[in-house]
mmCIF file of all heavy atoms, coordinates in Angstrom:
data_MODEL
# 
_entry.id   MODEL 
# 
loop_
_atom_site.group_PDB 
_atom_site.id 
_atom_site.type_symbol 
_atom_site.label_atom_id 
_atom_site.label_alt_id 
_atom_site.label_comp_id 
_atom_site.label_asym_id 
_atom_site.label_entity_id 
_atom_site.label_seq_id 
_atom_site.pdbx_PDB_ins_code 
_atom_site.Cartn_x 
_atom_site.Cartn_y 
_atom_site.Cartn_z 
_atom_site.occupancy 
_atom_site.B_iso_or_equiv 
_atom_site.pdbx_formal_charge 
_atom_site.auth_seq_id 
_atom_site.auth_comp_id 
_atom_site.auth_asym_id 
_atom_site.auth_atom_id 
_atom_site.pdbx_PDB_model_num 
ATOM 1   N N   . LEU A 1 1  ? -100.168 118.068 99.975  1.00 0.00 ? 1  LEU A N   1 
ATOM 2   C CA  . LEU A 1 1  ? -99.666  116.750 99.753  1.00 0.00 ? 1  LEU A CA  1 
ATOM 3   C C   . LEU A 1 1  ? -100.546 115.613 100.297 1.00 0.00 ? 1  LEU A C   1 
ATOM 4   O O   . LEU A 1 1  ? -100.648 114.542 99.798  1.00 0.00 ? 1  LEU A O   1 
ATOM 5   C CB  . LEU A 1 1  ? -98.292  116.569 100.456 1.00 0.00 ? 1  LEU A CB  1 
ATOM 6   C CG  . LEU A 1 1  ? -97.202  117.512 100.062 1.00 0.00 ? 1  LEU A CG  1 
ATOM 7   C CD1 . LEU A 1 1  ? -96.036  117.362 101.006 1.00 0.00 ? 1  LEU A CD1 1 
ATOM 8   C CD2 . LEU A 1 1  ? -96.691  117.110 98.628  1.00 0.00 ? 1  LEU A CD2 1 
ATOM 9   N N   . LEU A 1 2  ? -101.288 115.923 101.407 1.00 0.00 ? 2  LEU A N   1 
ATOM 10  C CA  . LEU A 1 2  ? -102.027 114.953 102.158 1.00 0.00 ? 2  LEU A CA  1 
ATOM 11  C C   . LEU A 1 2  ? -103.426 115.309 102.412 1.00 0.00 ? 2  LEU A C   1 
ATOM 12  O O   . LEU A 1 2  ? -103.798 116.482 102.440 1.00 0.00 ? 2  LEU A O   1 
ATOM 13  C CB  . LEU A 1 2  ? -101.312 114.759 103.495 1.00 0.00 ? 2  LEU A CB  1 
ATOM 14  C CG  . LEU A 1 2  ? -99.775  114.446 103.484 1.00 0.00 ? 2  LEU A CG  1 
ATOM 15  C CD1 . LEU A 1 2  ? -99.219  114.521 104.878 1.00 0.00 ? 2  LEU A CD1 1 
ATOM 16  C CD2 . LEU A 1 2  ? -99.496  113.143 102.829 1.00 0.00 ? 2  LEU A CD2 1 
ATOM 17  N N   . ILE A 1 3  ? -104.219 114.258 102.668 1.00 0.00 ? 3  ILE A N   1 
ATOM 18  C CA  . ILE A 1 3  ? -105.604 114.556 103.093 1.00 0.00 ? 3  ILE A CA  1 
ATOM 19  C C   . ILE A 1 3  ? -105.561 114.617 104.661 1.00 0.00 ? 3  ILE A C   1 
ATOM 20  O O   . ILE A 1 3  ? -104.580 114.249 105.256 1.00 0.00 ? 3  ILE A O   1 
ATOM 21  C CB  . ILE A 1 3  ? -106.585 113.418 102.579 1.00 0.00 ? 3  ILE A CB  1 
ATOM 22  C CG1 . ILE A 1 3  ? -106.188 112.076 103.222 1.00 0.00 ? 3  ILE A CG1 1 
ATOM 23  C CG2 . ILE A 1 3  ? -106.606 113.413 101.111 1.00 0.00 ? 3  ILE A CG2 1 
ATOM 24  C CD1 . ILE A 1 3  ? -107.238 110.909 102.954 1.00 0.00 ? 3  ILE A CD1 1 
ATOM 25  N N   . GLN A 1 4  ? -106.706 115.132 105.258 1.00 0.00 ? 4  GLN A N   1 
ATOM 26  C CA  . GLN A 1 4  ? -106.740 115.355 106.568 1.00 0.00 ? 4  GLN A CA  1 
ATOM 27  C C   . GLN A 1 4  ? -106.407 114.155 107.500 1.00 0.00 ? 4  GLN A C   1 
ATOM 28  O O   . GLN A 1 4  ? -105.702 114.221 108.463 1.00 0.00 ? 4  GLN A O   1 
ATOM 29  C CB  . GLN A 1 4  ? -108.095 115.973 107.018 1.00 0.00 ? 4  GLN A CB  1 
ATOM 30  C CG  . GLN A 1 4  ? -108.128 116.480 108.412 1.00 0.00 ? 4  GLN A CG  1 
ATOM 31  C CD  . GLN A 1 4  ? -107.085 117.601 108.653 1.00 0.00 ? 4  GLN A CD  1 
ATOM 32  O OE1 . GLN A 1 4  ? -106.779 118.383 107.853 1.00 0.00 ? 4  GLN A OE1 1 
ATOM 33  N NE2 . GLN A 1 4  ? -106.560 117.494 109.897 1.00 0.00 ? 4  GLN A NE2 1 
ATOM 34  N N   . ASP A 1 5  ? -106.926 112.993 107.091 1.00 0.00 ? 5  ASP A N   1 
ATOM 35  C CA  . ASP A 1 5  ? -106.692 111.751 107.966 1.00 0.00 ? 5  ASP A CA  1 
ATOM 36  C C   . ASP A 1 5  ? -105.186 111.447 107.947 1.00 0.00 ? 5  ASP A C   1 
ATOM 37  O O   . ASP A 1 5  ? -104.711 110.918 109.022 1.00 0.00 ? 5  ASP A O   1 
ATOM 38  C CB  . ASP A 1 5  ? -107.484 110.613 107.275 1.00 0.00 ? 5  ASP A CB  1 
ATOM 39  C CG  . ASP A 1 5  ? -108.949 110.648 107.681 1.00 0.00 ? 5  ASP A CG  1 
ATOM 40  O OD1 . ASP A 1 5  ? -109.343 111.381 108.502 1.00 0.00 ? 5  ASP A OD1 1 
ATOM 41  O OD2 . ASP A 1 5  ? -109.673 109.832 107.033 1.00 0.00 ? 5  ASP A OD2 1 
ATOM 42  N N   . GLU A 1 6  ? -104.503 111.669 106.899 1.00 0.00 ? 6  GLU A N   1 
ATOM 43  C CA  . GLU A 1 6  ? -103.124 111.418 106.798 1.00 0.00 ? 6  GLU A CA  1 
ATOM 44  C C   . GLU A 1 6  ? -102.341 112.417 107.670 1.00 0.00 ? 6  GLU A C   1 
ATOM 45  O O   . GLU A 1 6  ? -101.426 112.044 108.483 1.00 0.00 ? 6  GLU A O   1 
ATOM 46  C CB  . GLU A 1 6  ? -102.587 111.518 105.405 1.00 0.00 ? 6  GLU A CB  1 
ATOM 47  C CG  . GLU A 1 6  ? -103.193 110.360 104.574 1.00 0.00 ? 6  GLU A CG  1 
ATOM 48  C CD  . GLU A 1 6  ? -103.236 110.600 103.036 1.00 0.00 ? 6  GLU A CD  1 
ATOM 49  O OE1 . GLU A 1 6  ? -102.846 111.742 102.630 1.00 0.00 ? 6  GLU A OE1 1 
ATOM 50  O OE2 . GLU A 1 6  ? -103.474 109.657 102.318 1.00 0.00 ? 6  GLU A OE2 1 
ATOM 51  N N   . VAL A 1 7  ? -102.740 113.648 107.658 1.00 0.00 ? 7  VAL A N   1 
ATOM 52  C CA  . VAL A 1 7  ? -102.189 114.659 108.507 1.00 0.00 ? 7  VAL A CA  1 
ATOM 53  C C   . VAL A 1 7  ? -102.389 114.383 109.981 1.00 0.00 ? 7  VAL A C   1 
ATOM 54  O O   . VAL A 1 7  ? -101.475 114.438 110.818 1.00 0.00 ? 7  VAL A O   1 
ATOM 55  C CB  . VAL A 1 7  ? -102.705 116.077 108.255 1.00 0.00 ? 7  VAL A CB  1 
ATOM 56  C CG1 . VAL A 1 7  ? -102.256 117.170 109.273 1.00 0.00 ? 7  VAL A CG1 1 
ATOM 57  C CG2 . VAL A 1 7  ? -102.362 116.523 106.789 1.00 0.00 ? 7  VAL A CG2 1 
ATOM 58  N N   . GLU A 1 8  ? -103.536 113.855 110.321 1.00 0.00 ? 8  GLU A N   1 
ATOM 59  C CA  . GLU A 1 8  ? -103.839 113.472 111.699 1.00 0.00 ? 8  GLU A CA  1 
ATOM 60  C C   . GLU A 1 8  ? -102.986 112.309 112.178 1.00 0.00 ? 8  GLU A C   1 
ATOM 61  O O   . GLU A 1 8  ? -102.613 112.207 113.345 1.00 0.00 ? 8  GLU A O   1 
ATOM 62  C CB  . GLU A 1 8  ? -105.352 113.201 111.879 1.00 0.00 ? 8  GLU A CB  1 
ATOM 63  C CG  . GLU A 1 8  ? -106.169 114.444 111.773 1.00 0.00 ? 8  GLU A CG  1 
ATOM 64  C CD  . GLU A 1 8  ? -107.677 114.161 111.630 1.00 0.00 ? 8  GLU A CD  1 
ATOM 65  O OE1 . GLU A 1 8  ? -108.043 112.950 111.793 1.00 0.00 ? 8  GLU A OE1 1 
ATOM 66  O OE2 . GLU A 1 8  ? -108.462 115.075 111.389 1.00 0.00 ? 8  GLU A OE2 1 
ATOM 67  N N   . LEU A 1 9  ? -102.776 111.342 111.276 1.00 0.00 ? 9  LEU A N   1 
ATOM 68  C CA  . LEU A 1 9  ? -101.848 110.213 111.674 1.00 0.00 ? 9  LEU A CA  1 
ATOM 69  C C   . LEU A 1 9  ? -100.492 110.684 111.982 1.00 0.00 ? 9  LEU A C   1 
ATOM 70  O O   . LEU A 1 9  ? -99.858  110.362 113.010 1.00 0.00 ? 9  LEU A O   1 
ATOM 71  C CB  . LEU A 1 9  ? -101.820 109.206 110.486 1.00 0.00 ? 9  LEU A CB  1 
ATOM 72  C CG  . LEU A 1 9  ? -100.813 108.132 110.759 1.00 0.00 ? 9  LEU A CG  1 
ATOM 73  C CD1 . LEU A 1 9  ? -101.194 107.179 111.888 1.00 0.00 ? 9  LEU A CD1 1 
ATOM 74  C CD2 . LEU A 1 9  ? -100.727 107.231 109.450 1.00 0.00 ? 9  LEU A CD2 1 
ATOM 75  N N   . LEU A 1 10 ? -99.926  111.580 111.131 1.00 0.00 ? 10 LEU A N   1 
ATOM 76  C CA  . LEU A 1 10 ? -98.516  112.131 111.427 1.00 0.00 ? 10 LEU A CA  1 
ATOM 77  C C   . LEU A 1 10 ? -98.481  112.858 112.729 1.00 0.00 ? 10 LEU A C   1 
ATOM 78  O O   . LEU A 1 10 ? -97.643  112.730 113.481 1.00 0.00 ? 10 LEU A O   1 
ATOM 79  C CB  . LEU A 1 10 ? -98.106  112.998 110.342 1.00 0.00 ? 10 LEU A CB  1 
ATOM 80  C CG  . LEU A 1 10 ? -97.925  112.331 108.846 1.00 0.00 ? 10 LEU A CG  1 
ATOM 81  C CD1 . LEU A 1 10 ? -97.522  113.395 107.878 1.00 0.00 ? 10 LEU A CD1 1 
ATOM 82  C CD2 . LEU A 1 10 ? -96.826  111.282 108.991 1.00 0.00 ? 10 LEU A CD2 1 
ATOM 83  N N   . THR A 1 11 ? -99.569  113.717 112.996 1.00 0.00 ? 11 THR A N   1 
ATOM 84  C CA  . THR A 1 11 ? -99.651  114.518 114.199 1.00 0.00 ? 11 THR A CA  1 
ATOM 85  C C   . THR A 1 11 ? -99.769  113.627 115.356 1.00 0.00 ? 11 THR A C   1 
ATOM 86  O O   . THR A 1 11 ? -98.940  113.892 116.396 1.00 0.00 ? 11 THR A O   1 
ATOM 87  C CB  . THR A 1 11 ? -100.907 115.422 114.115 1.00 0.00 ? 11 THR A CB  1 
ATOM 88  O OG1 . THR A 1 11 ? -100.835 116.200 112.945 1.00 0.00 ? 11 THR A OG1 1 
ATOM 89  C CG2 . THR A 1 11 ? -100.989 116.295 115.318 1.00 0.00 ? 11 THR A CG2 1 
ATOM 90  N N   . ARG A 1 12 ? -100.550 112.528 115.349 1.00 0.00 ? 12 ARG A N   1 
ATOM 91  C CA  . ARG A 1 12 ? -100.667 111.643 116.472 1.00 0.00 ? 12 ARG A CA  1 
ATOM 92  C C   . ARG A 1 12 ? -99.387  110.814 116.696 1.00 0.00 ? 12 ARG A C   1 
ATOM 93  O O   . ARG A 1 12 ? -98.984  110.666 117.836 1.00 0.00 ? 12 ARG A O   1 
ATOM 94  C CB  . ARG A 1 12 ? -101.808 110.658 116.188 1.00 0.00 ? 12 ARG A CB  1 
ATOM 95  C CG  . ARG A 1 12 ? -102.105 109.713 117.366 1.00 0.00 ? 12 ARG A CG  1 
ATOM 96  C CD  . ARG A 1 12 ? -102.533 110.573 118.626 1.00 0.00 ? 12 ARG A CD  1 
ATOM 97  N NE  . ARG A 1 12 ? -102.875 109.747 119.742 1.00 0.00 ? 12 ARG A NE  1 
ATOM 98  C CZ  . ARG A 1 12 ? -102.069 109.546 120.775 1.00 0.00 ? 12 ARG A CZ  1 
ATOM 99  N NH1 . ARG A 1 12 ? -100.880 110.076 120.789 1.00 0.00 ? 12 ARG A NH1 1 
ATOM 100 N NH2 . ARG A 1 12 ? -102.362 108.731 121.696 1.00 0.00 ? 12 ARG A NH2 1 
ATOM 101 N N   . ALA A 1 13 ? -98.718  110.509 115.614 1.00 0.00 ? 13 ALA A N   1 
ATOM 102 C CA  . ALA A 1 13 ? -97.484  109.717 115.739 1.00 0.00 ? 13 ALA A CA  1 
ATOM 103 C C   . ALA A 1 13 ? -96.380  110.583 116.404 1.00 0.00 ? 13 ALA A C   1 
ATOM 104 O O   . ALA A 1 13 ? -95.581  110.163 117.378 1.00 0.00 ? 13 ALA A O   1 
ATOM 105 C CB  . ALA A 1 13 ? -97.024  109.344 114.308 1.00 0.00 ? 13 ALA A CB  1 
ATOM 106 N N   . LEU A 1 14 ? -96.263  111.825 116.079 1.00 0.00 ? 14 LEU A N   1 
ATOM 107 C CA  . LEU A 1 14 ? -95.292  112.774 116.781 1.00 0.00 ? 14 LEU A CA  1 
ATOM 108 C C   . LEU A 1 14 ? -95.641  112.908 118.252 1.00 0.00 ? 14 LEU A C   1 
ATOM 109 O O   . LEU A 1 14 ? -94.694  113.053 119.058 1.00 0.00 ? 14 LEU A O   1 
ATOM 110 C CB  . LEU A 1 14 ? -95.317  114.044 116.063 1.00 0.00 ? 14 LEU A CB  1 
ATOM 111 C CG  . LEU A 1 14 ? -94.745  114.117 114.665 1.00 0.00 ? 14 LEU A CG  1 
ATOM 112 C CD1 . LEU A 1 14 ? -95.043  115.487 113.945 1.00 0.00 ? 14 LEU A CD1 1 
ATOM 113 C CD2 . LEU A 1 14 ? -93.154  113.850 114.687 1.00 0.00 ? 14 LEU A CD2 1 
ATOM 114 N N   . LEU A 1 15 ? -96.937  112.899 118.569 1.00 0.00 ? 15 LEU A N   1 
ATOM 115 C CA  . LEU A 1 15 ? -97.314  113.007 119.915 1.00 0.00 ? 15 LEU A CA  1 
ATOM 116 C C   . LEU A 1 15 ? -96.897  111.778 120.725 1.00 0.00 ? 15 LEU A C   1 
ATOM 117 O O   . LEU A 1 15 ? -96.528  111.898 121.989 1.00 0.00 ? 15 LEU A O   1 
ATOM 118 C CB  . LEU A 1 15 ? -98.858  113.254 120.055 1.00 0.00 ? 15 LEU A CB  1 
ATOM 119 C CG  . LEU A 1 15 ? -99.437  113.513 121.420 1.00 0.00 ? 15 LEU A CG  1 
ATOM 120 C CD1 . LEU A 1 15 ? -98.833  114.723 122.065 1.00 0.00 ? 15 LEU A CD1 1 
ATOM 121 C CD2 . LEU A 1 15 ? -100.904 113.472 121.387 1.00 0.00 ? 15 LEU A CD2 1 
ATOM 122 N N   . GLU A 1 16 ? -96.781  110.687 120.138 1.00 0.00 ? 16 GLU A N   1 
ATOM 123 C CA  . GLU A 1 16 ? -96.387  109.469 120.832 1.00 0.00 ? 16 GLU A CA  1 
ATOM 124 C C   . GLU A 1 16 ? -94.959  109.533 121.464 1.00 0.00 ? 16 GLU A C   1 
ATOM 125 O O   . GLU A 1 16 ? -94.758  108.825 122.459 1.00 0.00 ? 16 GLU A O   1 
ATOM 126 C CB  . GLU A 1 16 ? -96.399  108.210 119.912 1.00 0.00 ? 16 GLU A CB  1 
ATOM 127 C CG  . GLU A 1 16 ? -97.847  107.698 119.454 1.00 0.00 ? 16 GLU A CG  1 
ATOM 128 C CD  . GLU A 1 16 ? -98.505  107.091 120.668 1.00 0.00 ? 16 GLU A CD  1 
ATOM 129 O OE1 . GLU A 1 16 ? -98.134  105.977 121.156 1.00 0.00 ? 16 GLU A OE1 1 
ATOM 130 O OE2 . GLU A 1 16 ? -99.495  107.791 121.123 1.00 0.00 ? 16 GLU A OE2 1 
ATOM 131 N N   . TRP A 1 17 ? -94.154  110.273 120.903 1.00 0.00 ? 17 TRP A N   1 
ATOM 132 C CA  . TRP A 1 17 ? -92.840  110.422 121.406 1.00 0.00 ? 17 TRP A CA  1 
ATOM 133 C C   . TRP A 1 17 ? -92.860  111.048 122.806 1.00 0.00 ? 17 TRP A C   1 
ATOM 134 O O   . TRP A 1 17 ? -91.870  110.835 123.558 1.00 0.00 ? 17 TRP A O   1 
ATOM 135 C CB  . TRP A 1 17 ? -91.849  111.200 120.403 1.00 0.00 ? 17 TRP A CB  1 
ATOM 136 C CG  . TRP A 1 17 ? -91.502  110.405 119.194 1.00 0.00 ? 17 TRP A CG  1 
ATOM 137 C CD1 . TRP A 1 17 ? -91.968  110.627 117.978 1.00 0.00 ? 17 TRP A CD1 1 
ATOM 138 C CD2 . TRP A 1 17 ? -90.727  109.269 119.159 1.00 0.00 ? 17 TRP A CD2 1 
ATOM 139 N NE1 . TRP A 1 17 ? -91.469  109.646 117.114 1.00 0.00 ? 17 TRP A NE1 1 
ATOM 140 C CE2 . TRP A 1 17 ? -90.667  108.842 117.851 1.00 0.00 ? 17 TRP A CE2 1 
ATOM 141 C CE3 . TRP A 1 17 ? -89.962  108.528 120.242 1.00 0.00 ? 17 TRP A CE3 1 
ATOM 142 C CZ2 . TRP A 1 17 ? -89.931  107.724 117.493 1.00 0.00 ? 17 TRP A CZ2 1 
ATOM 143 C CZ3 . TRP A 1 17 ? -89.244  107.479 119.731 1.00 0.00 ? 17 TRP A CZ3 1 
ATOM 144 C CH2 . TRP A 1 17 ? -89.282  107.049 118.413 1.00 0.00 ? 17 TRP A CH2 1 
ATOM 145 N N   . GLY A 1 18 ? -93.789  111.797 123.107 1.00 0.00 ? 18 GLY A N   1 
ATOM 146 C CA  . GLY A 1 18 ? -93.980  112.377 124.399 1.00 0.00 ? 18 GLY A CA  1 
ATOM 147 C C   . GLY A 1 18 ? -94.760  111.497 125.408 1.00 0.00 ? 18 GLY A C   1 
ATOM 148 O O   . GLY A 1 18 ? -94.951  111.877 126.496 1.00 0.00 ? 18 GLY A O   1 
ATOM 149 N N   . GLY A 1 19 ? -95.164  110.304 124.995 1.00 0.00 ? 19 GLY A N   1 
ATOM 150 C CA  . GLY A 1 19 ? -95.851  109.462 125.755 1.00 0.00 ? 19 GLY A CA  1 
ATOM 151 C C   . GLY A 1 19 ? -95.234  108.122 125.971 1.00 0.00 ? 19 GLY A C   1 
ATOM 152 O O   . GLY A 1 19 ? -94.183  107.958 126.554 1.00 0.00 ? 19 GLY A O   1 
ATOM 153 N N   . PRO A 1 20 ? -95.777  107.062 125.277 1.00 0.00 ? 20 PRO A N   1 
ATOM 154 C CA  . PRO A 1 20 ? -95.243  105.724 125.579 1.00 0.00 ? 20 PRO A CA  1 
ATOM 155 C C   . PRO A 1 20 ? -93.919  105.373 124.979 1.00 0.00 ? 20 PRO A C   1 
ATOM 156 O O   . PRO A 1 20 ? -93.143  104.526 125.313 1.00 0.00 ? 20 PRO A O   1 
ATOM 157 C CB  . PRO A 1 20 ? -96.315  104.809 125.026 1.00 0.00 ? 20 PRO A CB  1 
ATOM 158 C CG  . PRO A 1 20 ? -97.030  105.693 123.990 1.00 0.00 ? 20 PRO A CG  1 
ATOM 159 C CD  . PRO A 1 20 ? -96.925  107.034 124.461 1.00 0.00 ? 20 PRO A CD  1 
ATOM 160 N N   . ALA A 1 21 ? -93.547  106.256 123.930 1.00 0.00 ? 21 ALA A N   1 
ATOM 161 C CA  . ALA A 1 21 ? -92.250  105.877 123.158 1.00 0.00 ? 21 ALA A CA  1 
ATOM 162 C C   . ALA A 1 21 ? -91.025  106.420 124.045 1.00 0.00 ? 21 ALA A C   1 
ATOM 163 O O   . ALA A 1 21 ? -91.187  107.377 124.820 1.00 0.00 ? 21 ALA A O   1 
ATOM 164 C CB  . ALA A 1 21 ? -92.257  106.578 121.859 1.00 0.00 ? 21 ALA A CB  1 
ATOM 165 N N   . HIS A 1 22 ? -89.959  105.671 123.877 1.00 0.00 ? 22 HIS A N   1 
ATOM 166 C CA  . HIS A 1 22 ? -88.713  106.028 124.599 1.00 0.00 ? 22 HIS A CA  1 
ATOM 167 C C   . HIS A 1 22 ? -87.573  106.204 123.669 1.00 0.00 ? 22 HIS A C   1 
ATOM 168 O O   . HIS A 1 22 ? -87.003  105.228 123.223 1.00 0.00 ? 22 HIS A O   1 
ATOM 169 C CB  . HIS A 1 22 ? -88.447  104.952 125.601 1.00 0.00 ? 22 HIS A CB  1 
ATOM 170 C CG  . HIS A 1 22 ? -89.494  104.691 126.641 1.00 0.00 ? 22 HIS A CG  1 
ATOM 171 N ND1 . HIS A 1 22 ? -89.804  105.568 127.578 1.00 0.00 ? 22 HIS A ND1 1 
ATOM 172 C CD2 . HIS A 1 22 ? -90.445  103.769 126.681 1.00 0.00 ? 22 HIS A CD2 1 
ATOM 173 C CE1 . HIS A 1 22 ? -90.761  105.157 128.346 1.00 0.00 ? 22 HIS A CE1 1 
ATOM 174 N NE2 . HIS A 1 22 ? -91.196  104.023 127.733 1.00 0.00 ? 22 HIS A NE2 1 
ATOM 175 N N   . CYS A 1 23 ? -87.232  107.434 123.381 1.00 0.00 ? 23 CYS A N   1 
ATOM 176 C CA  . CYS A 1 23 ? -86.184  107.684 122.399 1.00 0.00 ? 23 CYS A CA  1 
ATOM 177 C C   . CYS A 1 23 ? -84.814  108.010 123.040 1.00 0.00 ? 23 CYS A C   1 
ATOM 178 O O   . CYS A 1 23 ? -84.836  108.848 123.944 1.00 0.00 ? 23 CYS A O   1 
ATOM 179 C CB  . CYS A 1 23 ? -86.622  108.799 121.468 1.00 0.00 ? 23 CYS A CB  1 
ATOM 180 S SG  . CYS A 1 23 ? -85.568  109.045 120.047 1.00 0.00 ? 23 CYS A SG  1 
ATOM 181 N N   . SER A 1 24 ? -83.800  107.339 122.546 1.00 0.00 ? 24 SER A N   1 
ATOM 182 C CA  . SER A 1 24 ? -82.473  107.763 123.069 1.00 0.00 ? 24 SER A CA  1 
ATOM 183 C C   . SER A 1 24 ? -81.916  109.008 122.249 1.00 0.00 ? 24 SER A C   1 
ATOM 184 O O   . SER A 1 24 ? -82.540  109.287 121.300 1.00 0.00 ? 24 SER A O   1 
ATOM 185 C CB  . SER A 1 24 ? -81.530  106.629 122.805 1.00 0.00 ? 24 SER A CB  1 
ATOM 186 O OG  . SER A 1 24 ? -81.329  106.359 121.419 1.00 0.00 ? 24 SER A OG  1 
ATOM 187 N N   . ASP A 1 25 ? -80.964  109.603 122.824 1.00 0.00 ? 25 ASP A N   1 
ATOM 188 C CA  . ASP A 1 25 ? -80.361  110.771 122.075 1.00 0.00 ? 25 ASP A CA  1 
ATOM 189 C C   . ASP A 1 25 ? -79.758  110.356 120.786 1.00 0.00 ? 25 ASP A C   1 
ATOM 190 O O   . ASP A 1 25 ? -79.978  111.043 119.752 1.00 0.00 ? 25 ASP A O   1 
ATOM 191 C CB  . ASP A 1 25 ? -79.268  111.351 122.873 1.00 0.00 ? 25 ASP A CB  1 
ATOM 192 C CG  . ASP A 1 25 ? -79.819  112.273 124.105 1.00 0.00 ? 25 ASP A CG  1 
ATOM 193 O OD1 . ASP A 1 25 ? -80.967  112.889 123.861 1.00 0.00 ? 25 ASP A OD1 1 
ATOM 194 O OD2 . ASP A 1 25 ? -79.155  112.324 125.105 1.00 0.00 ? 25 ASP A OD2 1 
# 
């Protein structure tokens, strides 16, 4: 579906949830 740069964006975005992002239940 995606090119490598797009995959890397999704991967990096998911990583943000373990860092600066604050998600409620």
